[in-house]
Protein backbone atom coordinates (compact mmCIF):
# COMPACT_ATOMS: atom_id res chain seq x y z
CA UNK A 1 0.75 -5.95 3.51
CA UNK A 2 4.77 -5.04 3.03
CA UNK A 3 7.88 -5.22 4.18
CA UNK A 4 9.64 -2.15 5.90
CA UNK A 5 13.40 -1.41 6.22
CA UNK A 6 14.28 -0.01 9.74
CA UNK A 7 16.81 2.38 11.42
CA UNK A 8 19.47 -0.94 11.26
CA UNK A 9 19.94 -0.25 7.85
CA UNK A 10 21.07 3.53 8.36
CA UNK A 11 24.81 4.10 7.66
CA UNK A 12 25.28 0.38 6.59
CA UNK A 13 23.00 -0.06 3.46
CA UNK A 14 24.08 -3.91 3.18
CA UNK A 15 22.53 -4.95 -0.08
CA UNK A 16 22.08 -8.64 0.01
CA UNK A 17 18.35 -8.27 0.26
CA UNK A 18 18.21 -6.78 -3.23
CA UNK A 19 19.58 -9.64 -5.10
CA UNK A 20 16.80 -11.92 -4.07
CA UNK A 21 13.98 -9.18 -4.41
CA UNK A 22 11.68 -10.71 -7.63
CA UNK A 23 9.76 -7.42 -7.59
CA UNK A 24 13.02 -4.83 -7.68
CA UNK A 25 11.27 -3.05 -4.79
CA UNK A 26 14.25 -1.39 -3.15
CA UNK A 27 14.84 2.40 -3.40
CA UNK A 28 18.27 3.56 -2.46
CA UNK A 29 19.56 6.81 -1.07
CA UNK A 30 22.69 8.29 0.21
CA UNK A 31 22.92 6.28 3.35
CA UNK A 32 20.00 4.23 3.87
CA UNK A 33 17.56 2.22 1.29
CA UNK A 34 13.69 1.49 1.73
CA UNK A 35 11.06 -0.91 0.17
CA UNK A 36 8.40 0.58 -1.95
CA UNK A 37 5.45 -0.39 -0.81
CA UNK A 38 3.55 -0.10 -4.08
CA UNK A 39 5.63 -2.91 -5.49
CA UNK A 40 6.35 -5.19 -2.68
CA UNK A 41 4.45 -8.68 -2.88
CA UNK A 42 5.15 -9.54 0.52
CA UNK A 43 7.34 -12.38 -0.34
CA UNK A 44 9.62 -12.27 2.46
CA UNK A 45 12.66 -13.13 0.48
CA UNK A 46 14.47 -10.33 1.66
CA UNK A 47 14.06 -10.81 5.29
CA UNK A 48 16.84 -13.59 5.89
CA UNK A 49 19.40 -11.96 3.76
CA UNK A 50 19.74 -8.93 5.96
CA UNK A 51 22.84 -9.29 8.10
CA UNK A 52 21.57 -6.58 10.59
CA UNK A 53 17.94 -7.74 10.85
CA UNK A 54 16.59 -4.20 9.55
CA UNK A 55 13.91 -5.79 7.34
CA UNK A 56 10.34 -6.34 8.99
CA UNK A 57 6.84 -7.33 7.69
CA UNK A 58 4.81 -4.32 8.62
CA UNK A 59 2.50 -6.14 11.29
CA UNK A 60 5.65 -7.17 13.02
CA UNK A 61 7.34 -3.71 13.61
CA UNK A 62 8.54 -3.26 17.03
CA UNK A 63 6.51 -0.21 18.32
CA UNK A 64 9.89 1.92 18.45
CA UNK A 65 9.99 1.11 14.54
CA UNK A 66 6.59 1.82 13.38
CA UNK A 67 7.31 5.20 11.96
CA UNK A 68 9.62 3.57 9.47
CA UNK A 69 6.33 2.35 7.37
CA UNK A 70 5.77 5.77 6.65
CA UNK A 71 9.28 6.73 6.07
CA UNK A 72 9.86 3.78 3.48
CA UNK A 73 6.35 5.03 1.62
CA UNK A 74 7.71 8.53 1.67
CA UNK A 75 11.26 8.04 0.51
CA UNK A 76 10.00 5.50 -2.16
CA UNK A 77 8.76 8.71 -4.04
CA UNK A 78 11.71 10.85 -3.17
CA UNK A 79 12.70 12.40 -6.26
CA UNK A 80 16.58 11.86 -5.61
CA UNK A 81 16.27 8.14 -4.46
CA UNK A 82 16.57 5.81 -7.10
CA UNK A 83 15.69 2.04 -7.83
CA UNK A 84 18.20 -0.39 -6.49
CA UNK A 85 18.52 -3.87 -8.52
CA UNK A 86 21.77 -5.21 -8.13
CA UNK A 87 23.84 -5.47 -4.76
CA UNK A 88 26.81 -3.57 -4.06
CA UNK A 89 29.35 -3.32 -1.14
CA UNK A 90 27.93 -1.74 2.15
CA UNK A 91 29.02 1.75 3.15
CA UNK A 92 32.52 2.09 4.06
CA UNK A 93 32.13 2.69 7.79
CA UNK A 94 29.18 -0.02 7.88
CA UNK A 95 30.89 -2.04 10.91
CA UNK A 96 31.32 1.08 12.95
CA UNK A 97 27.30 1.52 12.57
CA UNK A 98 26.31 -2.02 12.58
CA UNK A 99 25.00 -2.19 15.99
CA UNK A 100 24.22 1.39 16.92
CA UNK A 101 20.53 1.94 17.34
CA UNK A 102 18.36 5.07 16.91
CA UNK A 103 20.13 6.56 13.80
CA UNK A 104 17.12 8.27 12.32
CA UNK A 105 18.96 11.45 12.75
CA UNK A 106 21.61 10.25 10.37
CA UNK A 107 19.30 10.04 7.45
CA UNK A 108 20.68 12.05 4.42
CA UNK A 109 18.70 14.11 1.88
CA UNK A 110 15.42 13.30 3.60
CA UNK A 111 13.73 16.55 4.87
CA UNK A 112 10.31 15.24 4.45
CA UNK A 113 11.03 12.40 7.48
CA UNK A 114 11.05 14.98 10.03
CA UNK A 115 7.40 15.24 10.04
CA UNK A 116 7.28 11.48 10.12
CA UNK A 117 9.43 10.77 13.54
């Protein structure tokens, strides 16, 4: 079992959740971050910290977000994505994208995700 970052994080990248993660599970890309399923201990501390509700337990994922389980696992191993251990400011246009849905097409530097969606 693991927690999964979903569509709501794309183009916002709030990092409040990173501050409470005891295992440093977050991996950061240009405009999204994921949870590494190999290091997540299923503690749920990150969930209430996300201001846009982007983090779900994998068994609670809405049907239309299920593909994010594979996306998180794949991007956690992406060579250009790096561990994120400290919170920082959200992306500059985060307010504009905060309530937008279906942002998967906006992911940057993620060629391999096209086969997962």
